[in-house]
N, C-alpha and C. Protein backbone atom coordinates (compact mmCIF):
# COMPACT_ATOMS: atom_id res chain seq x y z
N UNK A 1 -8.88 -11.37 -6.54
CA UNK A 1 -8.95 -10.84 -5.19
C UNK A 1 -8.19 -11.72 -4.21
N UNK A 2 -8.09 -13.02 -4.50
CA UNK A 2 -7.38 -13.93 -3.62
C UNK A 2 -5.90 -13.56 -3.52
N UNK A 3 -5.29 -13.21 -4.65
CA UNK A 3 -3.88 -12.84 -4.65
C UNK A 3 -3.66 -11.57 -3.84
N UNK A 4 -4.55 -10.62 -3.97
CA UNK A 4 -4.45 -9.37 -3.21
C UNK A 4 -4.48 -9.67 -1.72
N UNK A 5 -5.46 -10.46 -1.29
CA UNK A 5 -5.61 -10.75 0.13
C UNK A 5 -4.45 -11.59 0.65
N UNK A 6 -3.95 -12.51 -0.16
CA UNK A 6 -2.81 -13.33 0.27
C UNK A 6 -1.58 -12.45 0.49
N UNK A 7 -1.26 -11.60 -0.48
CA UNK A 7 -0.10 -10.73 -0.34
C UNK A 7 -0.27 -9.76 0.83
N UNK A 8 -1.47 -9.22 0.98
CA UNK A 8 -1.74 -8.26 2.05
C UNK A 8 -1.61 -8.91 3.42
N UNK A 9 -2.02 -10.16 3.55
CA UNK A 9 -1.98 -10.81 4.85
C UNK A 9 -0.60 -11.38 5.18
N UNK A 10 0.23 -11.60 4.17
CA UNK A 10 1.57 -12.17 4.39
C UNK A 10 2.60 -11.12 4.79
N UNK A 11 2.28 -9.85 4.62
CA UNK A 11 3.25 -8.78 4.86
C UNK A 11 2.59 -7.67 5.69
N UNK A 12 3.36 -7.07 6.58
CA UNK A 12 2.81 -6.01 7.43
C UNK A 12 2.35 -4.79 6.64
N UNK A 13 3.15 -4.41 5.65
CA UNK A 13 2.85 -3.24 4.84
C UNK A 13 3.04 -3.61 3.37
N UNK A 14 1.97 -3.48 2.60
CA UNK A 14 2.01 -3.81 1.18
C UNK A 14 1.50 -2.62 0.38
N UNK A 15 2.24 -2.32 -0.69
CA UNK A 15 1.80 -1.28 -1.62
C UNK A 15 1.66 -1.92 -2.99
N UNK A 16 0.46 -1.84 -3.55
CA UNK A 16 0.25 -2.23 -4.93
C UNK A 16 0.51 -0.98 -5.75
N UNK A 17 1.43 -1.11 -6.70
CA UNK A 17 2.00 0.06 -7.35
C UNK A 17 2.16 -0.19 -8.84
N UNK A 18 2.52 0.87 -9.54
CA UNK A 18 2.97 0.78 -10.94
C UNK A 18 4.27 1.56 -11.02
N UNK A 19 5.23 1.02 -11.73
CA UNK A 19 6.55 1.63 -11.77
C UNK A 19 6.55 3.02 -12.40
N UNK A 20 5.54 3.34 -13.20
CA UNK A 20 5.48 4.65 -13.85
C UNK A 20 4.59 5.66 -13.11
N UNK A 21 4.08 5.29 -11.95
CA UNK A 21 3.11 6.14 -11.22
C UNK A 21 3.83 7.07 -10.24
N UNK A 22 3.67 8.37 -10.43
CA UNK A 22 4.33 9.34 -9.56
C UNK A 22 3.75 9.33 -8.15
N UNK A 23 2.45 9.07 -8.00
CA UNK A 23 1.86 9.01 -6.66
C UNK A 23 2.34 7.77 -5.91
N UNK A 24 2.56 6.68 -6.63
CA UNK A 24 3.13 5.47 -6.02
C UNK A 24 4.53 5.78 -5.50
N UNK A 25 5.30 6.49 -6.29
CA UNK A 25 6.65 6.88 -5.89
C UNK A 25 6.60 7.73 -4.62
N UNK A 26 5.67 8.67 -4.57
CA UNK A 26 5.53 9.55 -3.41
C UNK A 26 5.22 8.75 -2.14
N UNK A 27 4.31 7.79 -2.24
CA UNK A 27 3.95 6.97 -1.08
C UNK A 27 5.14 6.12 -0.65
N UNK A 28 5.87 5.57 -1.62
CA UNK A 28 7.06 4.78 -1.30
C UNK A 28 8.11 5.62 -0.58
N UNK A 29 8.31 6.85 -1.04
CA UNK A 29 9.28 7.75 -0.40
C UNK A 29 8.84 8.08 1.02
N UNK A 30 7.56 8.31 1.23
CA UNK A 30 7.06 8.58 2.58
C UNK A 30 7.43 7.44 3.52
N UNK A 31 7.13 6.21 3.13
CA UNK A 31 7.44 5.08 4.01
C UNK A 31 8.94 4.93 4.20
N UNK A 32 9.71 5.20 3.17
CA UNK A 32 11.17 5.15 3.29
C UNK A 32 11.65 6.18 4.32
N UNK A 33 11.11 7.40 4.24
CA UNK A 33 11.48 8.45 5.19
C UNK A 33 11.07 8.10 6.62
N UNK A 34 10.01 7.30 6.74
CA UNK A 34 9.55 6.86 8.07
C UNK A 34 10.37 5.69 8.60
N UNK A 35 11.23 5.14 7.74
CA UNK A 35 12.10 4.05 8.16
C UNK A 35 11.49 2.67 8.02
N UNK A 36 10.49 2.53 7.16
CA UNK A 36 9.88 1.22 6.95
C UNK A 36 10.09 0.77 5.52
N UNK A 37 10.13 -0.53 5.34
CA UNK A 37 10.34 -1.10 4.01
C UNK A 37 9.13 -1.94 3.63
N UNK A 38 8.23 -1.37 2.87
CA UNK A 38 7.03 -2.12 2.48
C UNK A 38 7.35 -3.18 1.43
N UNK A 39 6.48 -4.15 1.33
CA UNK A 39 6.51 -5.06 0.20
C UNK A 39 5.78 -4.32 -0.92
N UNK A 40 6.46 -4.07 -2.03
CA UNK A 40 5.87 -3.34 -3.15
C UNK A 40 5.61 -4.33 -4.28
N UNK A 41 4.36 -4.41 -4.69
CA UNK A 41 3.98 -5.30 -5.79
C UNK A 41 3.65 -4.43 -7.00
N UNK A 42 4.52 -4.50 -8.00
CA UNK A 42 4.37 -3.68 -9.20
C UNK A 42 3.39 -4.35 -10.17
N UNK A 43 2.22 -3.76 -10.34
CA UNK A 43 1.19 -4.36 -11.17
C UNK A 43 1.56 -4.39 -12.64
N UNK A 44 2.37 -3.43 -13.09
CA UNK A 44 2.75 -3.42 -14.50
C UNK A 44 3.82 -4.48 -14.81
N UNK A 45 4.30 -5.18 -13.79
CA UNK A 45 5.27 -6.25 -14.00
C UNK A 45 4.68 -7.61 -13.67
N UNK A 46 3.38 -7.65 -13.41
CA UNK A 46 2.68 -8.89 -13.07
C UNK A 46 1.70 -9.21 -14.19
N UNK A 47 1.76 -10.42 -14.74
CA UNK A 47 0.81 -10.79 -15.81
C UNK A 47 -0.65 -10.68 -15.36
N UNK A 48 -0.90 -10.76 -14.07
CA UNK A 48 -2.26 -10.64 -13.54
C UNK A 48 -2.57 -9.21 -13.08
N UNK A 49 -1.72 -8.27 -13.45
CA UNK A 49 -1.85 -6.90 -12.98
C UNK A 49 -3.21 -6.26 -13.23
N UNK A 50 -3.75 -6.44 -14.43
CA UNK A 50 -5.06 -5.84 -14.75
C UNK A 50 -6.17 -6.43 -13.87
N UNK A 51 -6.11 -7.73 -13.62
CA UNK A 51 -7.11 -8.36 -12.75
C UNK A 51 -6.97 -7.87 -11.31
N UNK A 52 -5.74 -7.66 -10.87
CA UNK A 52 -5.51 -7.14 -9.52
C UNK A 52 -6.05 -5.72 -9.41
N UNK A 53 -5.83 -4.90 -10.45
CA UNK A 53 -6.38 -3.54 -10.46
C UNK A 53 -7.90 -3.56 -10.29
N UNK A 54 -8.57 -4.43 -11.04
CA UNK A 54 -10.02 -4.55 -10.94
C UNK A 54 -10.44 -4.97 -9.53
N UNK A 55 -9.70 -5.92 -8.96
CA UNK A 55 -10.01 -6.39 -7.61
C UNK A 55 -9.85 -5.27 -6.59
N UNK A 56 -8.81 -4.45 -6.74
CA UNK A 56 -8.57 -3.35 -5.80
C UNK A 56 -9.71 -2.33 -5.86
N UNK A 57 -10.19 -2.05 -7.06
CA UNK A 57 -11.31 -1.12 -7.20
C UNK A 57 -12.57 -1.70 -6.55
N UNK A 58 -12.80 -2.99 -6.76
CA UNK A 58 -13.96 -3.64 -6.14
C UNK A 58 -13.87 -3.62 -4.62
N UNK A 59 -12.64 -3.62 -4.10
CA UNK A 59 -12.44 -3.60 -2.65
C UNK A 59 -12.65 -2.22 -2.06
N UNK A 60 -12.75 -1.20 -2.92
CA UNK A 60 -13.02 0.14 -2.42
C UNK A 60 -11.93 1.16 -2.64
N UNK A 61 -10.88 0.80 -3.36
CA UNK A 61 -9.83 1.78 -3.66
C UNK A 61 -10.39 2.84 -4.61
N UNK A 62 -10.15 4.09 -4.29
CA UNK A 62 -10.60 5.16 -5.16
C UNK A 62 -9.82 5.16 -6.47
N UNK A 63 -8.57 4.73 -6.40
CA UNK A 63 -7.73 4.54 -7.58
C UNK A 63 -7.01 3.21 -7.38
N UNK A 64 -6.76 2.47 -8.45
CA UNK A 64 -6.15 1.16 -8.25
C UNK A 64 -4.73 1.21 -7.69
N UNK A 65 -4.00 2.28 -7.99
CA UNK A 65 -2.64 2.42 -7.43
C UNK A 65 -2.41 3.86 -7.01
N UNK A 66 -1.65 4.10 -5.98
CA UNK A 66 -1.17 3.08 -5.07
C UNK A 66 -2.30 2.62 -4.15
N UNK A 67 -2.27 1.33 -3.83
CA UNK A 67 -3.21 0.77 -2.87
C UNK A 67 -2.38 0.26 -1.70
N UNK A 68 -2.61 0.80 -0.53
CA UNK A 68 -1.80 0.50 0.64
C UNK A 68 -2.59 -0.36 1.62
N UNK A 69 -1.96 -1.45 2.03
CA UNK A 69 -2.53 -2.34 3.04
C UNK A 69 -1.59 -2.38 4.23
N UNK A 70 -2.14 -2.26 5.42
CA UNK A 70 -1.36 -2.40 6.64
C UNK A 70 -2.04 -3.47 7.49
N UNK A 71 -1.28 -4.49 7.85
CA UNK A 71 -1.83 -5.57 8.65
C UNK A 71 -2.97 -6.30 7.96
N UNK A 72 -2.89 -6.41 6.64
CA UNK A 72 -3.91 -7.13 5.89
C UNK A 72 -5.17 -6.33 5.61
N UNK A 73 -5.20 -5.08 6.06
CA UNK A 73 -6.40 -4.25 5.87
C UNK A 73 -6.10 -3.11 4.90
N UNK A 74 -7.05 -2.85 4.03
CA UNK A 74 -6.90 -1.76 3.07
C UNK A 74 -6.96 -0.42 3.79
N UNK A 75 -5.89 0.36 3.64
CA UNK A 75 -5.85 1.71 4.20
C UNK A 75 -6.39 2.69 3.17
N UNK A 76 -5.99 2.49 1.91
CA UNK A 76 -6.46 3.35 0.85
C UNK A 76 -5.34 3.74 -0.09
N UNK A 77 -5.52 4.86 -0.73
CA UNK A 77 -4.56 5.36 -1.71
C UNK A 77 -3.79 6.54 -1.12
N UNK A 78 -3.23 7.33 -1.97
CA UNK A 78 -2.37 8.44 -1.54
C UNK A 78 -3.07 9.38 -0.55
N UNK A 79 -4.28 9.80 -0.85
CA UNK A 79 -4.98 10.75 0.03
C UNK A 79 -5.15 10.20 1.44
N UNK A 80 -5.57 8.94 1.54
CA UNK A 80 -5.80 8.35 2.86
C UNK A 80 -4.50 8.19 3.63
N UNK A 81 -3.45 7.75 2.95
CA UNK A 81 -2.15 7.56 3.61
C UNK A 81 -1.60 8.91 4.09
N UNK A 82 -1.65 9.91 3.23
CA UNK A 82 -1.14 11.24 3.62
C UNK A 82 -1.97 11.85 4.75
N UNK A 83 -3.27 11.67 4.71
CA UNK A 83 -4.12 12.18 5.79
C UNK A 83 -3.78 11.51 7.11
N UNK A 84 -3.59 10.19 7.07
CA UNK A 84 -3.20 9.48 8.30
C UNK A 84 -1.86 9.98 8.82
N UNK A 85 -0.92 10.19 7.90
CA UNK A 85 0.40 10.67 8.31
C UNK A 85 0.33 12.07 8.93
N UNK A 86 -0.36 12.98 8.27
CA UNK A 86 -0.43 14.36 8.76
C UNK A 86 -1.19 14.47 10.07
N UNK A 87 -2.13 13.56 10.31
CA UNK A 87 -2.89 13.59 11.57
C UNK A 87 -2.19 12.82 12.70
N UNK A 88 -1.04 12.19 12.38
CA UNK A 88 -0.31 11.43 13.40
C UNK A 88 -0.84 10.03 13.63
N UNK A 89 -1.71 9.56 12.75
CA UNK A 89 -2.31 8.24 12.94
C UNK A 89 -1.69 7.12 12.11
N UNK A 90 -0.69 7.44 11.30
CA UNK A 90 -0.07 6.41 10.48
C UNK A 90 0.92 5.57 11.28
N UNK A 91 1.77 6.20 12.04
CA UNK A 91 2.80 5.47 12.79
C UNK A 91 2.20 4.44 13.75
N UNK A 92 1.12 4.76 14.47
CA UNK A 92 0.54 3.73 15.34
C UNK A 92 0.06 2.49 14.57
N UNK A 93 -0.37 2.68 13.35
CA UNK A 93 -0.78 1.53 12.54
C UNK A 93 0.42 0.67 12.15
N UNK A 94 1.57 1.30 11.98
CA UNK A 94 2.78 0.59 11.54
C UNK A 94 3.54 -0.07 12.70
N UNK A 95 3.37 0.43 13.91
CA UNK A 95 4.16 -0.05 15.05
C UNK A 95 4.13 -1.56 15.27
N UNK A 96 3.01 -2.24 15.09
CA UNK A 96 3.04 -3.70 15.29
C UNK A 96 3.93 -4.45 14.31
N UNK A 97 4.31 -3.82 13.21
CA UNK A 97 5.06 -4.49 12.16
C UNK A 97 6.50 -4.02 12.03
N UNK A 98 6.84 -2.91 12.66
CA UNK A 98 8.18 -2.34 12.55
C UNK A 98 8.59 -1.80 13.91
N UNK A 99 9.89 -1.88 14.19
CA UNK A 99 10.38 -1.28 15.44
C UNK A 99 10.98 0.08 15.13
N UNK A 100 10.59 1.07 15.90
CA UNK A 100 11.07 2.43 15.72
C UNK A 100 11.84 2.86 16.96
N UNK A 101 12.81 3.70 16.76
CA UNK A 101 13.59 4.22 17.89
C UNK A 101 12.91 5.40 18.50
């Protein structure tokens, strides 16, 4: 859990992902379309990936990936991110970390 919190607090937007996960890809594309570049941590390329997955579930993620953190706080997985986006509440969360035109 320490590694999760360290990475989440060091970067404005962090996505814990797996390279083979289609929902992770979808969330990454959403942020790309919004003009932001998250720090993406691929769990399947990290020797501690399984431990990080367990930590994410303990933290309240409904699924271990994608797990999205904004400003060091867990936002959630695909459903939560998409709901925030569709309701217009995602961009205000990102504004402190990215400049938008």
